[in-house]
Amino acid sequence: MHLNLPEKLYYSIGEVAKAFNVNTSLIRFWEKEFTQLKPKKNAKGNRKFTPQDISTLKLIYHLVKERGFTLEGAKTHLKESKKQTLQNFEIISKLNNIKHQLITLKNNL
């Protein structure tokens, strides 16, 4: 999955939801369900997502939306084999980014 997010220290929930093409309510729901996802909140209570939070969200999105895991299955998978899952996901993500760049190059030729 290729996200179209600028490089920033913090992202608003609206930016994150738009990048993942989901509702903000789903992001808030995942925040409650997955203990690994902990965005910072300012004095008003607005969520600010760090790049680490974005990578965790990518992994959750991949497990739930792309691979079809249930929420309980995704939680269990993350807890039991987080290191292996994260490594595999990072490799897949890098390969998808390379694929996206190659397709862009091909279209520009």
N, C-alpha and C. Protein backbone atom coordinates (compact mmCIF):
# COMPACT_ATOMS: atom_id res chain seq x y z
N MET A 1 0.83 -1.17 0.00
CA MET A 1 0.00 0.00 0.00
C MET A 1 0.88 1.24 0.00
N HIS A 2 0.62 2.13 -0.91
CA HIS A 2 1.38 3.36 -1.01
C HIS A 2 0.54 4.50 -0.44
N LEU A 3 1.05 5.15 0.59
CA LEU A 3 0.35 6.27 1.21
C LEU A 3 0.92 7.56 0.68
N ASN A 4 0.03 8.48 0.43
CA ASN A 4 0.43 9.77 -0.10
C ASN A 4 0.44 10.79 1.05
N LEU A 5 1.42 10.64 1.95
CA LEU A 5 1.55 11.54 3.09
C LEU A 5 2.88 12.30 2.99
N PRO A 6 2.86 13.60 3.27
CA PRO A 6 4.12 14.34 3.29
C PRO A 6 4.92 13.94 4.53
N GLU A 7 6.22 14.18 4.50
CA GLU A 7 7.06 13.85 5.66
C GLU A 7 6.87 14.94 6.72
N LYS A 8 6.25 14.53 7.83
CA LYS A 8 6.00 15.45 8.94
C LYS A 8 6.25 14.72 10.25
N LEU A 9 6.35 15.47 11.33
CA LEU A 9 6.50 14.85 12.65
C LEU A 9 5.17 14.33 13.17
N TYR A 10 4.08 15.05 12.87
CA TYR A 10 2.76 14.66 13.35
C TYR A 10 1.73 14.83 12.25
N TYR A 11 0.76 13.91 12.24
CA TYR A 11 -0.33 13.95 11.27
C TYR A 11 -1.66 14.01 12.02
N SER A 12 -2.60 14.76 11.49
CA SER A 12 -3.93 14.80 12.10
C SER A 12 -4.70 13.54 11.72
N ILE A 13 -5.76 13.27 12.44
CA ILE A 13 -6.55 12.08 12.17
C ILE A 13 -7.21 12.18 10.78
N GLY A 14 -7.54 13.40 10.37
CA GLY A 14 -8.13 13.60 9.04
C GLY A 14 -7.16 13.24 7.93
N GLU A 15 -5.90 13.66 8.09
CA GLU A 15 -4.88 13.34 7.10
C GLU A 15 -4.65 11.83 7.02
N VAL A 16 -4.63 11.19 8.19
CA VAL A 16 -4.40 9.74 8.23
C VAL A 16 -5.56 9.00 7.59
N ALA A 17 -6.77 9.39 7.93
CA ALA A 17 -7.96 8.73 7.38
C ALA A 17 -8.02 8.90 5.86
N LYS A 18 -7.69 10.09 5.39
CA LYS A 18 -7.69 10.35 3.95
C LYS A 18 -6.63 9.51 3.24
N ALA A 19 -5.45 9.37 3.85
CA ALA A 19 -4.37 8.59 3.25
C ALA A 19 -4.75 7.11 3.15
N PHE A 20 -5.44 6.59 4.15
CA PHE A 20 -5.85 5.19 4.15
C PHE A 20 -7.20 4.98 3.45
N ASN A 21 -7.85 6.08 3.08
CA ASN A 21 -9.16 6.03 2.42
C ASN A 21 -10.20 5.33 3.30
N VAL A 22 -10.22 5.71 4.58
CA VAL A 22 -11.20 5.19 5.53
C VAL A 22 -11.78 6.38 6.31
N ASN A 23 -12.83 6.10 7.09
CA ASN A 23 -13.42 7.13 7.94
C ASN A 23 -12.56 7.36 9.18
N THR A 24 -12.64 8.56 9.73
CA THR A 24 -11.90 8.85 10.96
C THR A 24 -12.40 7.99 12.11
N SER A 25 -13.67 7.61 12.07
CA SER A 25 -14.21 6.76 13.14
C SER A 25 -13.52 5.40 13.17
N LEU A 26 -13.12 4.88 12.01
CA LEU A 26 -12.42 3.60 11.98
C LEU A 26 -11.04 3.73 12.63
N ILE A 27 -10.37 4.85 12.39
CA ILE A 27 -9.06 5.08 13.01
C ILE A 27 -9.21 5.15 14.53
N ARG A 28 -10.23 5.88 14.99
CA ARG A 28 -10.48 5.97 16.43
C ARG A 28 -10.82 4.60 17.01
N PHE A 29 -11.61 3.80 16.28
CA PHE A 29 -11.97 2.46 16.73
C PHE A 29 -10.74 1.58 16.85
N TRP A 30 -9.88 1.61 15.83
CA TRP A 30 -8.65 0.81 15.88
C TRP A 30 -7.76 1.26 17.04
N GLU A 31 -7.77 2.56 17.34
CA GLU A 31 -6.97 3.06 18.46
C GLU A 31 -7.45 2.41 19.77
N LYS A 32 -8.75 2.25 19.93
CA LYS A 32 -9.30 1.63 21.14
C LYS A 32 -9.02 0.13 21.17
N GLU A 33 -9.06 -0.51 20.02
CA GLU A 33 -8.93 -1.96 19.95
C GLU A 33 -7.49 -2.45 20.03
N PHE A 34 -6.56 -1.73 19.45
CA PHE A 34 -5.16 -2.17 19.38
C PHE A 34 -4.32 -1.35 20.35
N THR A 35 -3.73 -2.03 21.32
CA THR A 35 -2.91 -1.34 22.32
C THR A 35 -1.61 -0.80 21.74
N GLN A 36 -1.19 -1.34 20.59
CA GLN A 36 0.05 -0.88 19.96
C GLN A 36 -0.08 0.53 19.38
N LEU A 37 -1.30 0.98 19.17
CA LEU A 37 -1.56 2.27 18.54
C LEU A 37 -1.86 3.30 19.63
N LYS A 38 -0.93 4.23 19.82
CA LYS A 38 -1.09 5.25 20.86
C LYS A 38 -0.70 6.62 20.33
N PRO A 39 -1.61 7.29 19.62
CA PRO A 39 -1.27 8.63 19.14
C PRO A 39 -1.24 9.62 20.30
N LYS A 40 -0.46 10.65 20.15
CA LYS A 40 -0.39 11.70 21.17
C LYS A 40 -1.64 12.57 21.03
N LYS A 41 -2.06 13.14 22.15
CA LYS A 41 -3.21 14.04 22.13
C LYS A 41 -2.78 15.39 22.68
N ASN A 42 -3.26 16.46 22.04
CA ASN A 42 -2.93 17.79 22.54
C ASN A 42 -3.93 18.19 23.62
N ALA A 43 -3.87 19.42 24.09
CA ALA A 43 -4.73 19.88 25.19
C ALA A 43 -6.22 19.80 24.83
N LYS A 44 -6.54 19.98 23.56
CA LYS A 44 -7.93 19.89 23.12
C LYS A 44 -8.40 18.46 22.94
N GLY A 45 -7.46 17.51 22.94
CA GLY A 45 -7.82 16.11 22.74
C GLY A 45 -7.69 15.65 21.30
N ASN A 46 -7.15 16.52 20.44
CA ASN A 46 -6.94 16.14 19.04
C ASN A 46 -5.79 15.14 18.95
N ARG A 47 -6.00 14.11 18.16
CA ARG A 47 -4.97 13.08 18.01
C ARG A 47 -3.92 13.54 17.02
N LYS A 48 -2.67 13.29 17.38
CA LYS A 48 -1.54 13.58 16.50
C LYS A 48 -0.75 12.29 16.32
N PHE A 49 -0.73 11.79 15.10
CA PHE A 49 -0.09 10.52 14.80
C PHE A 49 1.35 10.74 14.35
N THR A 50 2.26 9.97 14.92
CA THR A 50 3.67 10.03 14.55
C THR A 50 3.91 9.06 13.39
N PRO A 51 5.06 9.16 12.72
CA PRO A 51 5.38 8.18 11.67
C PRO A 51 5.36 6.73 12.20
N GLN A 52 5.73 6.52 13.46
CA GLN A 52 5.66 5.18 14.06
C GLN A 52 4.20 4.71 14.13
N ASP A 53 3.30 5.62 14.50
CA ASP A 53 1.87 5.28 14.53
C ASP A 53 1.37 4.93 13.13
N ILE A 54 1.86 5.66 12.14
CA ILE A 54 1.46 5.40 10.76
C ILE A 54 1.90 4.00 10.33
N SER A 55 3.12 3.61 10.69
CA SER A 55 3.58 2.26 10.31
C SER A 55 2.77 1.19 11.03
N THR A 56 2.39 1.44 12.28
CA THR A 56 1.52 0.50 12.99
C THR A 56 0.16 0.43 12.32
N LEU A 57 -0.38 1.57 11.92
CA LEU A 57 -1.66 1.59 11.22
C LEU A 57 -1.58 0.85 9.88
N LYS A 58 -0.47 1.00 9.18
CA LYS A 58 -0.27 0.27 7.92
C LYS A 58 -0.35 -1.22 8.15
N LEU A 59 0.29 -1.68 9.22
CA LEU A 59 0.30 -3.10 9.55
C LEU A 59 -1.11 -3.57 9.91
N ILE A 60 -1.82 -2.81 10.73
CA ILE A 60 -3.19 -3.17 11.08
C ILE A 60 -4.08 -3.18 9.85
N TYR A 61 -3.95 -2.17 9.00
CA TYR A 61 -4.74 -2.10 7.77
C TYR A 61 -4.45 -3.32 6.89
N HIS A 62 -3.18 -3.66 6.78
CA HIS A 62 -2.78 -4.80 5.96
C HIS A 62 -3.42 -6.10 6.48
N LEU A 63 -3.36 -6.30 7.78
CA LEU A 63 -3.90 -7.53 8.36
C LEU A 63 -5.42 -7.58 8.24
N VAL A 64 -6.09 -6.48 8.56
CA VAL A 64 -7.56 -6.49 8.61
C VAL A 64 -8.19 -6.32 7.23
N LYS A 65 -7.75 -5.35 6.48
CA LYS A 65 -8.41 -5.04 5.21
C LYS A 65 -7.88 -5.87 4.04
N GLU A 66 -6.57 -6.07 3.97
CA GLU A 66 -6.00 -6.75 2.81
C GLU A 66 -5.94 -8.26 2.99
N ARG A 67 -5.60 -8.72 4.18
CA ARG A 67 -5.48 -10.17 4.40
C ARG A 67 -6.74 -10.77 4.99
N GLY A 68 -7.70 -9.95 5.42
CA GLY A 68 -8.99 -10.45 5.87
C GLY A 68 -9.01 -11.00 7.28
N PHE A 69 -8.08 -10.60 8.13
CA PHE A 69 -8.09 -11.05 9.52
C PHE A 69 -9.27 -10.41 10.25
N THR A 70 -9.81 -11.13 11.23
CA THR A 70 -10.76 -10.51 12.14
C THR A 70 -9.95 -9.63 13.09
N LEU A 71 -10.64 -8.77 13.84
CA LEU A 71 -9.93 -7.91 14.78
C LEU A 71 -9.23 -8.75 15.85
N GLU A 72 -9.91 -9.77 16.34
CA GLU A 72 -9.29 -10.64 17.35
C GLU A 72 -8.10 -11.39 16.76
N GLY A 73 -8.25 -11.85 15.53
CA GLY A 73 -7.15 -12.54 14.87
C GLY A 73 -5.95 -11.63 14.64
N ALA A 74 -6.22 -10.40 14.26
CA ALA A 74 -5.13 -9.43 14.04
C ALA A 74 -4.44 -9.11 15.36
N LYS A 75 -5.21 -8.94 16.43
CA LYS A 75 -4.62 -8.67 17.75
C LYS A 75 -3.71 -9.82 18.17
N THR A 76 -4.22 -11.03 18.03
CA THR A 76 -3.44 -12.21 18.40
C THR A 76 -2.19 -12.32 17.56
N HIS A 77 -2.33 -12.09 16.28
CA HIS A 77 -1.20 -12.18 15.36
C HIS A 77 -0.13 -11.15 15.72
N LEU A 78 -0.54 -9.95 16.04
CA LEU A 78 0.40 -8.90 16.42
C LEU A 78 1.11 -9.22 17.73
N LYS A 79 0.38 -9.77 18.70
CA LYS A 79 0.98 -10.07 20.00
C LYS A 79 1.94 -11.25 19.92
N GLU A 80 1.55 -12.30 19.19
CA GLU A 80 2.35 -13.52 19.17
C GLU A 80 3.59 -13.41 18.30
N SER A 81 3.44 -12.83 17.14
CA SER A 81 4.58 -12.81 16.22
C SER A 81 4.81 -11.41 15.66
N LYS A 82 4.83 -10.43 16.55
CA LYS A 82 4.97 -9.04 16.11
C LYS A 82 6.26 -8.80 15.35
N LYS A 83 7.37 -9.32 15.85
CA LYS A 83 8.65 -9.06 15.20
C LYS A 83 8.69 -9.65 13.80
N GLN A 84 8.28 -10.90 13.65
CA GLN A 84 8.29 -11.55 12.33
C GLN A 84 7.28 -10.89 11.39
N THR A 85 6.09 -10.57 11.90
CA THR A 85 5.07 -9.92 11.09
C THR A 85 5.55 -8.56 10.63
N LEU A 86 6.18 -7.82 11.52
CA LEU A 86 6.67 -6.49 11.18
C LEU A 86 7.77 -6.56 10.12
N GLN A 87 8.68 -7.53 10.26
CA GLN A 87 9.74 -7.69 9.26
C GLN A 87 9.16 -8.03 7.90
N ASN A 88 8.24 -8.99 7.88
CA ASN A 88 7.61 -9.37 6.61
C ASN A 88 6.86 -8.20 5.99
N PHE A 89 6.13 -7.47 6.83
CA PHE A 89 5.36 -6.34 6.32
C PHE A 89 6.27 -5.25 5.77
N GLU A 90 7.39 -4.99 6.45
CA GLU A 90 8.33 -3.97 5.96
C GLU A 90 8.91 -4.36 4.61
N ILE A 91 9.23 -5.63 4.44
CA ILE A 91 9.76 -6.11 3.16
C ILE A 91 8.71 -5.94 2.07
N ILE A 92 7.48 -6.36 2.36
CA ILE A 92 6.39 -6.23 1.38
C ILE A 92 6.15 -4.77 1.05
N SER A 93 6.18 -3.92 2.06
CA SER A 93 5.95 -2.49 1.86
C SER A 93 7.03 -1.88 0.97
N LYS A 94 8.29 -2.23 1.22
CA LYS A 94 9.39 -1.72 0.40
C LYS A 94 9.26 -2.19 -1.05
N LEU A 95 8.90 -3.45 -1.22
CA LEU A 95 8.72 -3.97 -2.58
C LEU A 95 7.56 -3.28 -3.29
N ASN A 96 6.49 -3.01 -2.57
CA ASN A 96 5.36 -2.29 -3.17
C ASN A 96 5.74 -0.87 -3.56
N ASN A 97 6.57 -0.22 -2.72
CA ASN A 97 7.04 1.13 -3.06
C ASN A 97 7.90 1.11 -4.32
N ILE A 98 8.77 0.11 -4.43
CA ILE A 98 9.60 -0.03 -5.63
C ILE A 98 8.71 -0.26 -6.85
N LYS A 99 7.71 -1.12 -6.70
CA LYS A 99 6.77 -1.39 -7.79
C LYS A 99 6.06 -0.10 -8.22
N HIS A 100 5.62 0.68 -7.24
CA HIS A 100 4.93 1.94 -7.53
C HIS A 100 5.86 2.90 -8.29
N GLN A 101 7.13 2.99 -7.87
CA GLN A 101 8.09 3.86 -8.54
C GLN A 101 8.36 3.38 -9.96
N LEU A 102 8.47 2.07 -10.17
CA LEU A 102 8.72 1.54 -11.51
C LEU A 102 7.53 1.80 -12.42
N ILE A 103 6.32 1.65 -11.90
CA ILE A 103 5.14 1.92 -12.71
C ILE A 103 5.09 3.38 -13.08
N THR A 104 5.44 4.26 -12.15
CA THR A 104 5.47 5.69 -12.42
C THR A 104 6.51 6.00 -13.51
N LEU A 105 7.68 5.40 -13.41
CA LEU A 105 8.72 5.60 -14.43
C LEU A 105 8.23 5.12 -15.79
N LYS A 106 7.60 3.95 -15.82
CA LYS A 106 7.10 3.39 -17.08
C LYS A 106 6.08 4.31 -17.71
N ASN A 107 5.18 4.86 -16.89
CA ASN A 107 4.15 5.76 -17.41
C ASN A 107 4.73 7.07 -17.91
N ASN A 108 5.85 7.50 -17.36
CA ASN A 108 6.47 8.74 -17.78
C ASN A 108 7.30 8.58 -19.06
N LEU A 109 7.59 7.36 -19.45
CA LEU A 109 8.40 7.16 -20.66
C LEU A 109 7.60 7.35 -21.91
